[in-house]
């Protein structure tokens, strides 16, 4: 019987009741690689996953996204505390396929933030503010008035 171009295959069963996918060593429910996979944060920020911890493949996406959101939140807090402005914050989430069972899981993430700090004691910054004050007045016109 063929459904959507996938034919039935006869292959040995894995540890559970599910058949082993062709080209893989075990069924998705009993994969040793997925059971032993651990996640750990490599930054110097106070966030989750400082100690290596296991996350199931089903929960890895949500947990990694929440972890990366902690980094973004820390950037906004740091900027507000130190008189800066977050210019950009971007998160990249990486996925991978388990070589043992073929299950797709979230492999990790990376957060990149850019914070701009203004230094009022810097003479160049003061000069830039006076130049901006001369250029920008009248640049925006409200036509509804």
Protein backbone atom coordinates (compact mmCIF):
# COMPACT_ATOMS: atom_id res chain seq x y z
CA UNK A 1 0.00 0.00 0.00
CA UNK A 2 1.35 3.42 -0.95
CA UNK A 3 0.23 6.62 0.74
CA UNK A 4 1.70 9.92 -0.38
CA UNK A 5 4.64 8.23 -2.07
CA UNK A 6 5.75 6.39 1.06
CA UNK A 7 5.54 2.63 0.85
CA UNK A 8 5.23 0.19 3.70
CA UNK A 9 8.59 -1.15 4.70
CA UNK A 10 9.52 -4.20 6.62
CA UNK A 11 12.31 -3.59 9.04
CA UNK A 12 13.08 -4.77 12.55
CA UNK A 13 11.21 -3.23 15.41
CA UNK A 14 13.02 -1.01 17.90
CA UNK A 15 12.91 -1.18 21.66
CA UNK A 16 9.29 -0.04 21.73
CA UNK A 17 6.37 -1.06 19.57
CA UNK A 18 7.23 1.41 16.80
CA UNK A 19 9.18 0.15 13.80
CA UNK A 20 12.70 1.43 13.25
CA UNK A 21 12.90 3.95 10.42
CA UNK A 22 15.07 2.87 7.50
CA UNK A 23 18.65 4.06 7.95
CA UNK A 24 18.37 4.55 11.72
CA UNK A 25 19.45 2.39 14.64
CA UNK A 26 16.44 2.69 16.96
CA UNK A 27 12.84 3.77 17.17
CA UNK A 28 12.10 7.41 18.14
CA UNK A 29 10.75 6.50 21.59
CA UNK A 30 13.87 4.76 22.94
CA UNK A 31 16.81 6.69 21.43
CA UNK A 32 19.87 6.85 23.70
CA UNK A 33 21.18 10.00 22.00
CA UNK A 34 17.96 11.89 22.71
CA UNK A 35 17.89 10.60 26.30
CA UNK A 36 21.45 11.72 27.01
CA UNK A 37 21.43 15.09 25.17
CA UNK A 38 22.13 18.03 27.52
CA UNK A 39 21.95 21.79 27.08
CA UNK A 40 24.25 24.34 28.74
CA UNK A 41 24.59 28.12 28.47
CA UNK A 42 28.03 29.45 27.55
CA UNK A 43 27.51 33.14 28.35
CA UNK A 44 28.56 35.16 31.38
CA UNK A 45 24.98 36.31 32.11
CA UNK A 46 22.77 35.13 34.94
CA UNK A 47 20.33 32.97 32.96
CA UNK A 48 19.00 29.41 32.95
CA UNK A 49 21.07 26.37 31.91
CA UNK A 50 24.28 27.38 33.67
CA UNK A 51 24.58 23.73 34.66
CA UNK A 52 24.05 21.15 31.91
CA UNK A 53 20.45 19.89 31.89
CA UNK A 54 18.46 17.41 29.83
CA UNK A 55 15.47 18.60 27.77
CA UNK A 56 13.25 16.24 25.82
CA UNK A 57 13.21 16.75 22.03
CA UNK A 58 9.51 17.69 22.20
CA UNK A 59 10.15 20.47 24.74
CA UNK A 60 13.52 21.66 23.40
CA UNK A 61 12.08 24.29 21.06
CA UNK A 62 10.05 26.10 23.70
CA UNK A 63 12.75 25.85 26.36
CA UNK A 64 15.54 27.16 24.08
CA UNK A 65 13.35 30.04 22.85
CA UNK A 66 12.50 30.97 26.44
CA UNK A 67 16.18 30.83 27.37
CA UNK A 68 17.18 33.11 24.50
CA UNK A 69 14.35 35.48 25.50
CA UNK A 70 16.07 35.78 28.90
CA UNK A 71 19.17 37.13 27.12
CA UNK A 72 17.06 39.70 25.24
CA UNK A 73 15.33 40.75 28.46
CA UNK A 74 18.72 41.12 30.17
CA UNK A 75 19.91 43.39 27.35
CA UNK A 76 16.91 45.71 27.76
CA UNK A 77 17.36 45.76 31.55
CA UNK A 78 21.07 46.53 31.23
CA UNK A 79 20.41 49.33 28.72
CA UNK A 80 17.75 50.91 30.94
CA UNK A 81 19.93 50.64 34.04
CA UNK A 82 23.05 52.12 32.44
CA UNK A 83 21.44 54.84 30.30
CA UNK A 84 21.70 53.00 27.00
CA UNK A 85 19.37 52.15 24.16
CA UNK A 86 18.91 48.72 22.56
CA UNK A 87 19.45 49.27 18.85
CA UNK A 88 18.84 45.67 17.85
CA UNK A 89 18.21 42.27 19.36
CA UNK A 90 18.12 39.11 17.27
CA UNK A 91 17.75 35.45 18.13
CA UNK A 92 18.83 32.52 15.97
CA UNK A 93 17.47 29.05 16.78
CA UNK A 94 19.29 26.02 15.34
CA UNK A 95 17.66 22.65 14.69
CA UNK A 96 19.23 19.29 13.93
CA UNK A 97 18.25 15.70 13.14
CA UNK A 98 19.22 12.92 15.53
CA UNK A 99 21.49 10.48 13.73
CA UNK A 100 20.21 7.55 15.77
CA UNK A 101 16.41 7.90 15.51
CA UNK A 102 15.83 10.64 12.92
CA UNK A 103 13.90 12.93 15.26
CA UNK A 104 14.20 16.70 14.66
CA UNK A 105 15.15 18.65 17.77
CA UNK A 106 16.28 22.15 18.70
CA UNK A 107 20.05 22.05 18.90
CA UNK A 108 20.61 25.47 20.45
CA UNK A 109 20.32 29.18 20.02
CA UNK A 110 22.24 32.42 19.84
CA UNK A 111 21.23 35.93 20.86
CA UNK A 112 22.91 39.03 19.46
CA UNK A 113 22.20 42.43 20.92
CA UNK A 114 23.53 45.88 20.18
CA UNK A 115 23.28 48.56 22.86
CA UNK A 116 24.17 52.21 22.28
CA UNK A 117 25.40 54.21 25.25
CA UNK A 118 25.59 58.00 25.16
CA UNK A 119 28.50 59.62 26.93
CA UNK A 120 27.57 63.22 27.79
CA UNK A 121 31.12 64.00 28.97
CA UNK A 122 32.51 63.21 25.51
CA UNK A 123 33.06 66.50 23.56
CA UNK A 124 32.33 64.75 20.26
CA UNK A 125 28.95 63.62 21.59
CA UNK A 126 28.11 67.17 22.68
CA UNK A 127 29.08 68.47 19.24
CA UNK A 128 26.91 65.81 17.56
CA UNK A 129 23.91 66.86 19.68
CA UNK A 130 24.31 70.50 18.66
CA UNK A 131 24.59 69.49 14.99
CA UNK A 132 21.45 67.35 15.29
CA UNK A 133 19.60 70.24 16.93
CA UNK A 134 20.45 72.46 13.96
CA UNK A 135 19.46 69.88 11.32
CA UNK A 136 16.27 68.24 12.60
CA UNK A 137 13.90 71.09 13.56
CA UNK A 138 11.30 71.42 10.81
CA UNK A 139 12.26 68.13 9.19
CA UNK A 140 8.88 66.60 10.05
CA UNK A 141 5.73 68.40 8.98
CA UNK A 142 2.26 67.61 10.26
CA UNK A 143 -0.02 68.18 7.27
CA UNK A 144 -3.20 67.49 9.27
CA UNK A 145 -2.92 70.73 11.25
